[in-house]
Amino acid sequence: MELELYSYWRSSCSWRVRIALSYKGLDFHYAPIHLVRDGGEQHSGEYRLRNPMEEVPVLYVQGQALSQSTAILEYLEEVYPEPALLPNSAMERARVRQLSQIINSGTQPIQNLGVMQKLAKDCGLDKAATQKWSKDWISRGLGAFAQAVASFGGRYSYGDEVSLADCCLVPQLYNARRFGVDLAPLAELVAIESRLSSLPAFVAAHPDAQPDAQL
């Protein structure tokens, strides 16, 4: 099946999808979209036809566009169920989705580039203030994630198998470091990240390994 991913190297939402694609051993064409250059290529008229939300990622599946990272992850899990990124039982799958949504809906959208730009433009916040905003929301979200992991974690975010929650966790920890979040209270999450970081799929999906990486 022909797959084409519109992605930005440092986009955490794109990163989640890259992990899943690599974990499932799927070949895909990488189409870079620069989120900052010239005001952001995601705002161009051409790209709005791909995704009216003007965001990455967009995954083309045989010419059909899919957007929103968790929808893409769920699609990949349904169409390519092995190796699995969701457990067998309904309750366990709900737990993994719970963890994933702590980041996907409760953390990342509040601290992303668009929000920071809006705060600067409409509220007059300087760079230090917008970065503090993001730092505070990331700390809150990862703290909640850590509390949940303590209840039902294992080697990884949920038990001893890689899951969708791990696809969300690793990029968010990267963001945490960018914004200076104190990770000392989140030692278990850092340990999970360390175990994941040696897996081939996570190595391949890392921002520094992408063709548009700005090293």
Protein backbone atom coordinates (compact mmCIF):
# COMPACT_ATOMS: atom_id res chain seq x y z
CA MET A 1 0.00 0.00 0.00
CA GLU A 2 1.39 3.40 -0.98
CA LEU A 3 1.91 5.69 2.03
CA GLU A 4 3.07 9.32 2.02
CA LEU A 5 3.61 11.26 5.24
CA TYR A 6 3.57 15.05 5.38
CA SER A 7 5.66 15.78 8.42
CA TYR A 8 7.92 18.26 10.21
CA TRP A 9 11.02 16.85 11.84
CA ARG A 10 10.32 18.30 15.28
CA SER A 11 6.53 18.02 15.30
CA SER A 12 5.57 15.71 18.16
CA CYS A 13 2.32 14.71 16.41
CA SER A 14 4.23 13.74 13.26
CA TRP A 15 6.78 11.93 15.41
CA ARG A 16 4.07 9.71 16.93
CA VAL A 17 3.01 8.59 13.48
CA ARG A 18 6.60 8.00 12.36
CA ILE A 19 7.12 5.70 15.37
CA ALA A 20 4.03 3.66 14.52
CA LEU A 21 4.92 3.41 10.83
CA SER A 22 8.44 2.25 11.66
CA TYR A 23 7.30 -0.09 14.43
CA LYS A 24 4.94 -1.81 12.02
CA GLY A 25 7.65 -2.02 9.37
CA LEU A 26 5.80 0.14 6.84
CA ASP A 27 7.62 1.94 4.04
CA PHE A 28 6.50 5.49 3.39
CA HIS A 29 7.53 8.56 1.45
CA TYR A 30 8.48 11.52 3.64
CA ALA A 31 7.21 14.93 2.51
CA PRO A 32 8.60 17.75 4.69
CA ILE A 33 6.45 20.73 5.69
CA HIS A 34 8.36 23.52 7.42
CA LEU A 35 6.24 24.94 10.23
CA VAL A 36 8.24 28.17 10.65
CA ARG A 37 9.88 29.19 7.37
CA ASP A 38 8.06 31.96 5.46
CA GLY A 39 5.40 32.08 8.14
CA GLY A 40 4.84 28.33 8.03
CA GLU A 41 4.29 26.19 4.94
CA GLN A 42 1.26 24.58 6.64
CA HIS A 43 -0.64 27.86 6.05
CA SER A 44 -0.25 27.82 2.28
CA GLY A 45 -3.32 27.46 0.11
CA GLU A 46 -1.97 24.24 -1.35
CA TYR A 47 -1.48 22.66 2.06
CA ARG A 48 -4.91 23.77 3.34
CA LEU A 49 -6.38 21.54 0.65
CA ARG A 50 -4.56 18.64 2.29
CA ASN A 51 -5.56 19.61 5.84
CA PRO A 52 -7.94 22.53 6.54
CA MET A 53 -6.58 22.65 10.12
CA GLU A 54 -3.19 23.67 8.67
CA GLU A 55 -1.34 21.12 10.78
CA VAL A 56 0.94 18.15 10.40
CA PRO A 57 0.86 15.22 10.07
CA VAL A 58 -1.13 14.22 7.04
CA LEU A 59 -0.85 10.61 5.88
CA TYR A 60 -1.86 9.79 2.33
CA VAL A 61 -3.05 6.23 1.90
CA GLN A 62 -3.32 5.38 -1.80
CA GLY A 63 -4.08 9.02 -2.51
CA GLN A 64 -6.57 9.53 0.34
CA ALA A 65 -5.59 12.02 3.04
CA LEU A 66 -5.83 11.26 6.76
CA SER A 67 -5.09 13.89 9.40
CA GLN A 68 -5.01 14.03 13.22
CA SER A 69 -2.27 11.86 14.65
CA THR A 70 -4.39 9.63 16.88
CA ALA A 71 -6.84 8.93 14.05
CA ILE A 72 -3.87 7.92 11.91
CA LEU A 73 -2.48 5.74 14.70
CA GLU A 74 -5.82 3.98 15.13
CA TYR A 75 -6.08 3.45 11.37
CA LEU A 76 -2.63 1.90 11.22
CA GLU A 77 -3.50 -0.36 14.15
CA GLU A 78 -6.68 -1.56 12.45
CA VAL A 79 -5.17 -2.14 9.02
CA TYR A 80 -1.78 -3.42 10.21
CA PRO A 81 -2.57 -5.12 13.54
CA GLU A 82 0.84 -6.77 13.92
CA PRO A 83 2.97 -5.91 15.71
CA ALA A 84 0.24 -4.54 17.94
CA LEU A 85 0.26 -1.15 19.62
CA LEU A 86 -2.92 -1.86 21.59
CA PRO A 87 -3.46 -4.69 24.11
CA ASN A 88 -6.04 -7.46 23.75
CA SER A 89 -8.73 -6.62 26.29
CA ALA A 90 -11.12 -3.69 26.04
CA MET A 91 -10.11 -2.35 29.46
CA GLU A 92 -6.41 -2.52 28.65
CA ARG A 93 -6.97 -0.76 25.32
CA ALA A 94 -8.93 1.94 27.15
CA ARG A 95 -6.04 2.38 29.60
CA VAL A 96 -3.57 2.86 26.74
CA ARG A 97 -5.91 5.36 25.08
CA GLN A 98 -6.29 7.13 28.43
CA LEU A 99 -2.53 7.59 28.65
CA SER A 100 -2.32 8.67 25.04
CA GLN A 101 -5.02 11.30 25.47
CA ILE A 102 -3.36 12.81 28.54
CA ILE A 103 -0.72 13.95 26.08
CA ASN A 104 -2.68 14.19 22.83
CA SER A 105 -5.60 16.25 24.12
CA GLY A 106 -4.53 17.42 27.58
CA THR A 107 -0.95 18.54 27.07
CA GLN A 108 0.45 18.96 23.56
CA PRO A 109 -2.31 21.16 22.05
CA ILE A 110 -2.01 23.70 24.89
CA GLN A 111 1.75 24.13 24.53
CA ASN A 112 2.23 23.92 20.77
CA LEU A 113 3.64 26.47 18.35
CA GLY A 114 0.29 27.88 17.27
CA VAL A 115 -0.78 28.60 20.86
CA MET A 116 2.53 30.27 21.67
CA GLN A 117 2.29 32.45 18.57
CA LYS A 118 -1.29 33.40 19.48
CA LEU A 119 -0.28 34.34 23.03
CA ALA A 120 2.50 36.54 21.69
CA LYS A 121 0.34 38.22 19.05
CA ASP A 122 -2.94 38.72 20.91
CA CYS A 123 -1.83 38.92 24.54
CA GLY A 124 1.52 40.62 24.08
CA LEU A 125 3.48 37.94 25.91
CA ASP A 126 7.21 37.88 25.29
CA LYS A 127 9.19 34.74 24.50
CA ALA A 128 10.01 34.04 28.14
CA ALA A 129 6.33 34.21 29.11
CA THR A 130 5.13 31.97 26.29
CA GLN A 131 7.85 29.44 27.06
CA LYS A 132 6.82 29.44 30.73
CA TRP A 133 3.22 28.82 29.64
CA SER A 134 4.29 25.77 27.68
CA LYS A 135 6.63 24.56 30.40
CA ASP A 136 3.86 24.70 33.02
CA TRP A 137 1.37 22.75 30.88
CA ILE A 138 3.95 20.11 29.97
CA SER A 139 4.86 19.66 33.63
CA ARG A 140 1.20 19.23 34.54
CA GLY A 141 0.52 16.74 31.76
CA LEU A 142 3.59 14.59 32.30
CA GLY A 143 2.92 14.60 36.02
CA ALA A 144 -0.53 13.14 35.39
CA PHE A 145 0.92 10.63 32.93
CA ALA A 146 3.50 9.54 35.54
CA GLN A 147 0.82 9.09 38.17
CA ALA A 148 -1.18 6.86 35.84
CA VAL A 149 1.90 4.84 34.85
CA ALA A 150 2.63 4.22 38.51
CA SER A 151 -0.77 2.53 38.77
CA PHE A 152 -0.53 0.23 35.78
CA GLY A 153 2.86 0.63 34.15
CA GLY A 154 5.59 -1.91 33.53
CA ARG A 155 8.67 -1.92 31.36
CA TYR A 156 6.96 0.64 29.12
CA SER A 157 4.10 3.09 29.61
CA TYR A 158 1.55 0.29 29.88
CA GLY A 159 2.89 -3.11 30.83
CA ASP A 160 5.78 -4.74 29.06
CA GLU A 161 4.78 -4.18 25.43
CA VAL A 162 5.19 -1.05 23.32
CA SER A 163 1.89 0.78 22.89
CA LEU A 164 0.33 3.91 21.45
CA ALA A 165 1.03 5.57 24.79
CA ASP A 166 4.76 5.20 24.17
CA CYS A 167 4.35 6.80 20.74
CA CYS A 168 2.97 9.85 22.56
CA LEU A 169 5.30 9.87 25.55
CA VAL A 170 8.68 10.02 23.82
CA PRO A 171 7.97 13.15 21.73
CA GLN A 172 6.47 14.91 24.74
CA LEU A 173 9.59 14.29 26.81
CA TYR A 174 11.60 15.81 23.97
CA ASN A 175 9.38 18.89 24.19
CA ALA A 176 9.80 18.92 27.95
CA ARG A 177 13.56 19.26 27.60
CA ARG A 178 13.18 22.01 24.99
CA PHE A 179 11.16 24.05 27.46
CA GLY A 180 13.33 23.35 30.48
CA VAL A 181 10.93 21.12 32.42
CA ASP A 182 12.48 19.58 35.53
CA LEU A 183 12.43 15.85 34.80
CA ALA A 184 13.82 14.79 38.18
CA PRO A 185 10.30 14.08 39.57
CA LEU A 186 9.56 12.09 36.39
CA ALA A 187 12.39 9.59 36.72
CA GLU A 188 10.22 6.59 35.82
CA LEU A 189 9.12 8.23 32.58
CA VAL A 190 12.74 8.98 31.72
CA ALA A 191 13.59 5.33 32.43
CA ILE A 192 10.79 4.17 30.11
CA GLU A 193 12.07 6.57 27.46
CA SER A 194 15.58 5.15 27.84
CA ARG A 195 14.30 1.61 27.28
CA LEU A 196 12.34 2.71 24.22
CA SER A 197 15.15 4.77 22.72
CA SER A 198 17.20 1.72 21.74
CA LEU A 199 14.35 0.12 19.76
CA PRO A 200 14.87 0.44 15.99
CA ALA A 201 11.50 2.08 15.36
CA PHE A 202 12.19 4.82 17.88
CA VAL A 203 15.67 5.39 16.50
CA ALA A 204 14.32 5.71 12.95
CA ALA A 205 11.53 8.09 14.00
CA HIS A 206 13.72 10.50 16.00
CA PRO A 207 13.74 14.09 14.71
CA ASP A 208 17.48 14.06 14.11
CA ALA A 209 17.06 11.12 11.71
CA GLN A 210 14.59 12.93 9.45
CA PRO A 211 15.58 14.35 6.06
CA ASP A 212 14.47 17.87 7.04
CA ALA A 213 16.26 17.87 10.42
CA GLN A 214 17.99 21.13 11.27
CA LEU A 215 21.02 19.92 13.19
